[in-house]
Amino acid sequence: MKNLGFISAFLGGAIAGTALGILLAPAKGADTRNNIAASVDKFLKKHNISMSKKQVADLVENIKEAEPTI
């Protein structure tokens, strides 16, 4: 159970870091969202984590709406 918390924290941090890096790069909003979705999908496949496209899309929207705390 402790490993699940570690994996969740790692996954969240990796996705948030990737998203912030992409969000801070100059690009159109649609291109940025597509890049985030592709990065999340690649990460999930690499780590054999199963999420539906709807779950990934919801995650991307949540990340997009989050305000960076810099």
Protein backbone atom coordinates (compact mmCIF):
# COMPACT_ATOMS: atom_id res chain seq x y z
CA MET A 1 0.00 0.00 0.00
CA LYS A 2 2.90 2.34 0.74
CA ASN A 3 4.23 1.73 -2.79
CA LEU A 4 0.91 2.83 -4.27
CA GLY A 5 1.23 6.19 -2.51
CA PHE A 6 4.80 6.59 -3.77
CA ILE A 7 3.79 5.68 -7.31
CA SER A 8 0.84 8.10 -7.18
CA ALA A 9 3.05 10.91 -5.89
CA PHE A 10 5.68 10.19 -8.53
CA LEU A 11 3.09 10.03 -11.31
CA GLY A 12 1.47 13.26 -10.16
CA GLY A 13 4.82 15.04 -9.94
CA ALA A 14 5.97 13.79 -13.32
CA ILE A 15 2.75 14.82 -15.02
CA ALA A 16 2.65 18.19 -13.28
CA GLY A 17 6.28 18.89 -14.19
CA THR A 18 5.74 17.95 -17.81
CA ALA A 19 2.56 19.98 -18.00
CA LEU A 20 4.16 23.08 -16.49
CA GLY A 21 7.11 22.79 -18.83
CA ILE A 22 4.82 22.61 -21.81
CA LEU A 23 2.46 25.31 -20.51
CA LEU A 24 5.30 27.77 -20.04
CA ALA A 25 6.60 27.19 -23.56
CA PRO A 26 5.25 29.60 -26.17
CA ALA A 27 2.67 27.75 -28.28
CA LYS A 28 -1.01 27.92 -29.19
CA GLY A 29 -3.45 26.61 -26.57
CA ALA A 30 -4.69 23.73 -28.73
CA ASP A 31 -1.13 22.70 -29.56
CA THR A 32 -0.20 22.84 -25.88
CA ARG A 33 -3.15 20.67 -24.86
CA ASN A 34 -2.29 18.16 -27.57
CA ASN A 35 1.33 18.07 -26.40
CA ILE A 36 0.25 17.51 -22.80
CA ALA A 37 -2.13 14.72 -23.80
CA ALA A 38 0.58 13.06 -25.90
CA SER A 39 3.11 13.33 -23.05
CA VAL A 40 0.67 11.86 -20.54
CA ASP A 41 -0.21 9.04 -22.93
CA LYS A 42 3.47 8.27 -23.55
CA PHE A 43 4.21 8.26 -19.80
CA LEU A 44 1.26 5.97 -19.05
CA LYS A 45 2.29 3.50 -21.77
CA LYS A 46 5.91 3.54 -20.64
CA HIS A 47 4.90 2.69 -17.06
CA ASN A 48 2.12 0.30 -18.09
CA ILE A 49 -0.59 2.37 -16.39
CA SER A 50 -4.08 2.00 -17.80
CA MET A 51 -6.32 5.06 -18.10
CA SER A 52 -9.17 5.68 -20.51
CA LYS A 53 -8.92 8.52 -23.01
CA LYS A 54 -11.67 10.29 -21.03
CA GLN A 55 -9.64 10.03 -17.82
CA VAL A 56 -6.55 11.37 -19.60
CA ALA A 57 -8.58 14.19 -21.15
CA ASP A 58 -10.03 15.07 -17.74
CA LEU A 59 -6.55 15.04 -16.22
CA VAL A 60 -5.25 17.33 -18.97
CA GLU A 61 -8.15 19.74 -18.41
CA ASN A 62 -7.49 19.77 -14.66
CA ILE A 63 -3.81 20.51 -15.26
CA LYS A 64 -4.70 23.21 -17.78
CA GLU A 65 -7.02 24.90 -15.28
CA ALA A 66 -4.54 24.73 -12.40
CA GLU A 67 -2.71 27.93 -11.65
CA PRO A 68 1.06 27.61 -11.50
CA THR A 69 2.53 28.64 -8.16
CA ILE A 70 5.85 30.13 -9.18
